[in-house]
C-alpha atoms as a PDB file:
ATOM      1  CA  MET A   1     100.578  14.785 102.605  1.00  0.00           C
ATOM      2  CA  GLU A   2     103.034  16.773 104.726  1.00  0.00           C
ATOM      3  CA  GLN A   3     102.319  19.988 102.807  1.00  0.00           C
ATOM      4  CA  ARG A   4      98.589  19.547 103.432  1.00  0.00           C
ATOM      5  CA  GLU A   5      99.152  19.007 107.156  1.00  0.00           C
ATOM      6  CA  MET A   6     101.238  22.171 107.259  1.00  0.00           C
ATOM      7  CA  GLU A   7      98.506  24.194 105.548  1.00  0.00           C
ATOM      8  CA  THR A   8      95.944  22.849 108.000  1.00  0.00           C
ATOM      9  CA  MET A   9      98.171  23.750 110.957  1.00  0.00           C
ATOM     10  CA  VAL A  10      98.655  27.270 109.588  1.00  0.00           C
ATOM     11  CA  LYS A  11      94.892  27.711 109.150  1.00  0.00           C
ATOM     12  CA  GLN A  12      94.230  26.474 112.668  1.00  0.00           C
ATOM     13  CA  ALA A  13      96.947  28.731 114.074  1.00  0.00           C
ATOM     14  CA  TYR A  14      95.534  31.721 112.191  1.00  0.00           C
ATOM     15  CA  LYS A  15      92.039  31.017 113.490  1.00  0.00           C
ATOM     16  CA  ARG A  16      93.318  30.694 117.050  1.00  0.00           C
ATOM     17  CA  MET A  17      95.335  33.908 116.802  1.00  0.00           C
ATOM     18  CA  THR A  18      92.397  35.873 115.347  1.00  0.00           C
ATOM     19  CA  ARG A  19      90.286  34.839 118.340  1.00  0.00           C
ATOM     20  CA  LEU A  20      93.089  35.877 120.653  1.00  0.00           C
ATOM     21  CA  CYS A  21      93.655  39.210 118.908  1.00  0.00           C
ATOM     22  CA  SER A  22      89.943  40.021 118.887  1.00  0.00           C
ATOM     23  CA  ARG A  23      89.934  39.849 122.699  1.00  0.00           C
ATOM     24  CA  GLY A  24      92.949  42.097 123.274  1.00  0.00           C
ATOM     25  CA  GLU A  25      95.906  43.908 121.746  1.00  0.00           C
ATOM     26  CA  TYR A  26      99.002  41.905 120.915  1.00  0.00           C
ATOM     27  CA  CYS A  27     102.267  42.773 119.213  1.00  0.00           C
ATOM     28  CA  VAL A  28     104.159  40.597 116.740  1.00  0.00           C
ATOM     29  CA  PHE A  29     106.523  39.418 119.478  1.00  0.00           C
ATOM     30  CA  ASP A  30     103.630  38.146 121.620  1.00  0.00           C
ATOM     31  CA  ILE A  31     102.015  36.371 118.682  1.00  0.00           C
ATOM     32  CA  ARG A  32     105.289  34.729 117.679  1.00  0.00           C
ATOM     33  CA  GLN A  33     105.704  33.458 121.244  1.00  0.00           C
ATOM     34  CA  LYS A  34     102.246  31.877 121.089  1.00  0.00           C
ATOM     35  CA  LEU A  35     102.913  30.383 117.669  1.00  0.00           C
ATOM     36  CA  ARG A  36     106.184  28.828 118.842  1.00  0.00           C
ATOM     37  CA  GLY A  37     104.158  26.954 121.426  1.00  0.00           C
ATOM     38  CA  MET A  38     102.087  25.515 118.579  1.00  0.00           C
ATOM     39  CA  GLU A  39     105.251  24.137 116.942  1.00  0.00           C
ATOM     40  CA  LEU A  40     104.770  25.824 113.583  1.00  0.00           C
ATOM     41  CA  SER A  41     107.639  26.153 111.143  1.00  0.00           C
ATOM     42  CA  GLU A  42     109.288  29.538 110.564  1.00  0.00           C
ATOM     43  CA  GLU A  43     107.441  29.885 107.243  1.00  0.00           C
ATOM     44  CA  GLY A  44     104.151  29.010 108.912  1.00  0.00           C
ATOM     45  CA  GLU A  45     104.739  31.562 111.670  1.00  0.00           C
ATOM     46  CA  GLU A  46     105.592  34.241 109.145  1.00  0.00           C
ATOM     47  CA  ALA A  47     102.498  33.445 107.061  1.00  0.00           C
ATOM     48  CA  VAL A  48     100.204  33.716 110.091  1.00  0.00           C
ATOM     49  CA  VAL A  49     101.798  36.969 111.286  1.00  0.00           C
ATOM     50  CA  GLN A  50     101.620  38.504 107.804  1.00  0.00           C
ATOM     51  CA  LYS A  51      97.962  37.578 107.402  1.00  0.00           C
ATOM     52  CA  LEU A  52      97.147  38.994 110.853  1.00  0.00           C
ATOM     53  CA  LYS A  53      98.851  42.261 109.883  1.00  0.00           C
ATOM     54  CA  GLU A  54      97.027  42.433 106.544  1.00  0.00           C
ATOM     55  CA  ASN A  55      93.670  41.964 108.260  1.00  0.00           C
ATOM     56  CA  HIS A  56      94.537  44.541 110.962  1.00  0.00           C
ATOM     57  CA  PHE A  57      94.442  42.095 113.850  1.00  0.00           C
ATOM     58  CA  ILE A  58      97.974  43.226 114.676  1.00  0.00           C
ATOM     59  CA  ASP A  59      98.941  46.888 114.538  1.00  0.00           C
ATOM     60  CA  GLU A  60     102.141  47.673 116.407  1.00  0.00           C
ATOM     61  CA  ALA A  61     101.474  51.424 116.575  1.00  0.00           C
ATOM     62  CA  ARG A  62      98.017  50.820 118.077  1.00  0.00           C
ATOM     63  CA  TYR A  63      99.493  48.267 120.484  1.00  0.00           C
ATOM     64  CA  THR A  64     102.236  50.675 121.576  1.00  0.00           C
ATOM     65  CA  ARG A  65      99.811  53.533 122.295  1.00  0.00           C
ATOM     66  CA  GLY A  66      97.591  51.221 124.312  1.00  0.00           C
ATOM     67  CA  PHE A  67     100.545  49.750 126.198  1.00  0.00           C
ATOM     68  CA  ILE A  68     101.810  53.207 127.164  1.00  0.00           C
ATOM     69  CA  SER A  69      98.362  54.340 128.236  1.00  0.00           C
ATOM     70  CA  ASP A  70      97.795  51.242 130.365  1.00  0.00           C
ATOM     71  CA  LYS A  71     101.189  51.402 132.062  1.00  0.00           C
ATOM     72  CA  LEU A  72     100.724  55.097 132.863  1.00  0.00           C
ATOM     73  CA  ARG A  73      97.219  54.685 134.276  1.00  0.00           C
ATOM     74  CA  PHE A  74      97.308  51.315 135.983  1.00  0.00           C
ATOM     75  CA  ASN A  75     100.930  50.480 136.801  1.00  0.00           C
ATOM     76  CA  ARG A  76     102.040  54.107 137.261  1.00  0.00           C
ATOM     77  CA  TRP A  77     105.302  53.567 135.416  1.00  0.00           C
ATOM     78  CA  GLY A  78     107.591  56.285 134.133  1.00  0.00           C
ATOM     79  CA  ARG A  79     108.740  56.800 130.567  1.00  0.00           C
ATOM     80  CA  LYS A  80     112.034  54.924 130.896  1.00  0.00           C
ATOM     81  CA  LYS A  81     110.481  51.740 132.280  1.00  0.00           C
ATOM     82  CA  ILE A  82     107.778  51.786 129.596  1.00  0.00           C
ATOM     83  CA  GLU A  83     110.396  52.262 126.855  1.00  0.00           C
ATOM     84  CA  LEU A  84     112.425  49.360 128.222  1.00  0.00           C
ATOM     85  CA  ALA A  85     109.384  47.072 128.273  1.00  0.00           C
ATOM     86  CA  LEU A  86     108.501  48.037 124.695  1.00  0.00           C
ATOM     87  CA  HIS A  87     112.069  47.402 123.517  1.00  0.00           C
ATOM     88  CA  GLN A  88     111.943  43.988 125.187  1.00  0.00           C
ATOM     89  CA  LYS A  89     108.912  43.251 123.020  1.00  0.00           C
ATOM     90  CA  GLN A  90     111.134  44.064 120.030  1.00  0.00           C
ATOM     91  CA  LEU A  91     109.055  46.982 118.803  1.00  0.00           C
ATOM     92  CA  PRO A  92     110.805  49.430 116.438  1.00  0.00           C
ATOM     93  CA  GLY A  93     112.201  52.562 118.076  1.00  0.00           C
ATOM     94  CA  GLU A  94     110.438  54.899 115.645  1.00  0.00           C
ATOM     95  CA  ILE A  95     107.032  53.420 116.534  1.00  0.00           C
ATOM     96  CA  ILE A  96     107.800  53.854 120.239  1.00  0.00           C
ATOM     97  CA  GLU A  97     108.884  57.472 119.782  1.00  0.00           C
ATOM     98  CA  GLN A  98     105.838  58.246 117.647  1.00  0.00           C
ATOM     99  CA  ALA A  99     103.542  56.765 120.292  1.00  0.00           C
ATOM    100  CA  PHE A 100     105.155  58.821 123.061  1.00  0.00           C
ATOM    101  CA  MET A 101     104.455  61.983 121.037  1.00  0.00           C
ATOM    102  CA  ASP A 102     100.743  61.346 121.649  1.00  0.00           C
ATOM    103  CA  PHE A 103     101.304  61.918 125.383  1.00  0.00           C
ATOM    104  CA  SER A 104     102.290  65.202 127.011  1.00  0.00           C
ATOM    105  CA  GLU A 105     105.095  65.431 129.569  1.00  0.00           C
ATOM    106  CA  GLU A 106     102.461  66.175 132.223  1.00  0.00           C
ATOM    107  CA  GLU A 107     100.661  62.915 131.419  1.00  0.00           C
ATOM    108  CA  LEU A 108     103.918  60.975 131.563  1.00  0.00           C
ATOM    109  CA  SER A 109     104.855  62.260 135.018  1.00  0.00           C
ATOM    110  CA  ALA A 110     101.376  62.812 136.507  1.00  0.00           C
ATOM    111  CA  SER A 111     101.473  59.771 138.791  1.00  0.00           C
ATOM    112  CA  LEU A 112     104.862  60.551 140.360  1.00  0.00           C
ATOM    113  CA  PRO A 113     103.721  63.122 142.975  1.00  0.00           C
ATOM    114  CA  ASP A 114     100.997  60.785 144.260  1.00  0.00           C
ATOM    115  CA  LEU A 115     103.428  57.845 144.364  1.00  0.00           C
ATOM    116  CA  LEU A 116     105.957  59.846 146.371  1.00  0.00           C
ATOM    117  CA  LYS A 117     103.291  61.213 148.746  1.00  0.00           C
ATOM    118  CA  LYS A 118     102.020  57.714 149.481  1.00  0.00           C
ATOM    119  CA  LYS A 119     105.505  56.258 149.848  1.00  0.00           C
ATOM    120  CA  TRP A 120     106.923  59.035 152.075  1.00  0.00           C
ATOM    121  CA  PRO A 121     105.261  57.934 155.354  1.00  0.00           C
ATOM    122  CA  THR A 122     106.234  54.281 154.837  1.00  0.00           C
ATOM    123  CA  VAL A 123     109.931  54.946 154.195  1.00  0.00           C
ATOM    124  CA  THR A 124     112.141  54.552 157.238  1.00  0.00           C
ATOM    125  CA  GLY A 125     115.476  56.223 157.602  1.00  0.00           C
ATOM    126  CA  ALA A 126     117.793  57.635 160.242  1.00  0.00           C
ATOM    127  CA  SER A 127     117.783  61.015 158.526  1.00  0.00           C
ATOM    128  CA  ALA A 128     115.811  62.961 155.950  1.00  0.00           C
ATOM    129  CA  TYR A 129     118.738  62.443 153.576  1.00  0.00           C
ATOM    130  CA  GLU A 130     118.496  58.663 153.880  1.00  0.00           C
ATOM    131  CA  LYS A 131     114.725  58.803 153.431  1.00  0.00           C
ATOM    132  CA  GLU A 132     115.135  60.897 150.279  1.00  0.00           C
ATOM    133  CA  GLY A 133     117.665  58.417 148.890  1.00  0.00           C
ATOM    134  CA  LYS A 134     115.208  55.570 149.340  1.00  0.00           C
ATOM    135  CA  LEU A 135     112.429  57.551 147.667  1.00  0.00           C
ATOM    136  CA  ILE A 136     114.703  58.408 144.752  1.00  0.00           C
ATOM    137  CA  ARG A 137     115.631  54.728 144.259  1.00  0.00           C
ATOM    138  CA  PHE A 138     111.948  53.807 144.420  1.00  0.00           C
ATOM    139  CA  ALA A 139     111.028  56.376 141.752  1.00  0.00           C
ATOM    140  CA  LEU A 140     113.996  55.435 139.547  1.00  0.00           C
ATOM    141  CA  GLY A 141     112.827  51.832 139.709  1.00  0.00           C
ATOM    142  CA  ARG A 142     109.452  52.969 138.463  1.00  0.00           C
ATOM    143  CA  GLY A 143     111.122  54.500 135.408  1.00  0.00           C
ATOM    144  CA  PHE A 144     111.031  58.222 136.149  1.00  0.00           C
ATOM    145  CA  SER A 145     113.920  60.541 135.315  1.00  0.00           C
ATOM    146  CA  MET A 146     116.065  62.097 138.018  1.00  0.00           C
ATOM    147  CA  GLU A 147     114.913  65.543 136.946  1.00  0.00           C
ATOM    148  CA  GLU A 148     111.238  64.633 137.451  1.00  0.00           C
ATOM    149  CA  ILE A 149     112.001  62.975 140.779  1.00  0.00           C
ATOM    150  CA  ARG A 150     113.900  65.965 142.145  1.00  0.00           C
ATOM    151  CA  ARG A 151     111.105  68.351 141.145  1.00  0.00           C
ATOM    152  CA  CYS A 152     108.381  66.218 142.721  1.00  0.00           C
ATOM    153  CA  LEU A 153     110.428  65.412 145.803  1.00  0.00           C
ATOM    154  CA  GLU A 154     110.839  69.115 146.578  1.00  0.00           C
ATOM    155  CA  GLN A 155     107.073  69.537 146.252  1.00  0.00           C
ATOM    156  CA  VAL A 156     106.392  66.554 148.549  1.00  0.00           C
ATOM    157  CA  LYS A 157     108.875  67.773 151.176  1.00  0.00           C
ATOM    158  CA  LYS A 158     107.207  71.186 151.221  1.00  0.00           C
ATOM    159  CA  GLU A 159     103.820  69.572 151.759  1.00  0.00           C
ATOM    160  CA  GLN A 160     105.170  67.325 154.536  1.00  0.00           C
ATOM    161  CA  GLU A 161     106.542  70.369 156.393  1.00  0.00           C
ATOM    162  CA  ARG A 162     103.106  71.949 156.599  1.00  0.00           C
END
C-alpha cells in the first residue's frame, strides 16, 4: 500500500513539475526546492528530476544561457554577480563558463556606462573623489569588475565635463 502511494505521489509531482517547466526555465536546484515542499522522499525527488532531464524539461545549459541573458538585459548585472547567483543555484562551473562564452565582453559590460551616467547626478559627495568612490561601490555591487568600472567612469567624467 505504501509503495503504491509513493508511486502516485511521484506521478503527481512529475505532472506538476512538467506543467511548471513548460511555462518557464528551471534548474535542478529550483525543482528540488519545489519537490521538497511536496514532501517527497529523496528517491522520489531523484526519480522526478531524472525523468524531467530525460524528457528535456530541465536543461541546465539552456537555463544558464537564459539566466545570463535575462540578468544582463533586465537587471543590468555584471558578470561577477551573475556567476555568484548561478553558483548559489548549484550549477556546475563548467556549464557556467561555457554559457559565458556565448556572450562577448561588450555584451557583458554594455549596461555599465548607462548605469553610471544615470547614477552620476543622483550621487552626493563633498568632492569628486567621494562621488567617484560611491559610484565605484555601486558598480561593484552590481557585479562589474574594477577594470570595467574605471574605464567607464573615465568616459562618464569626460562627458560630464562637456
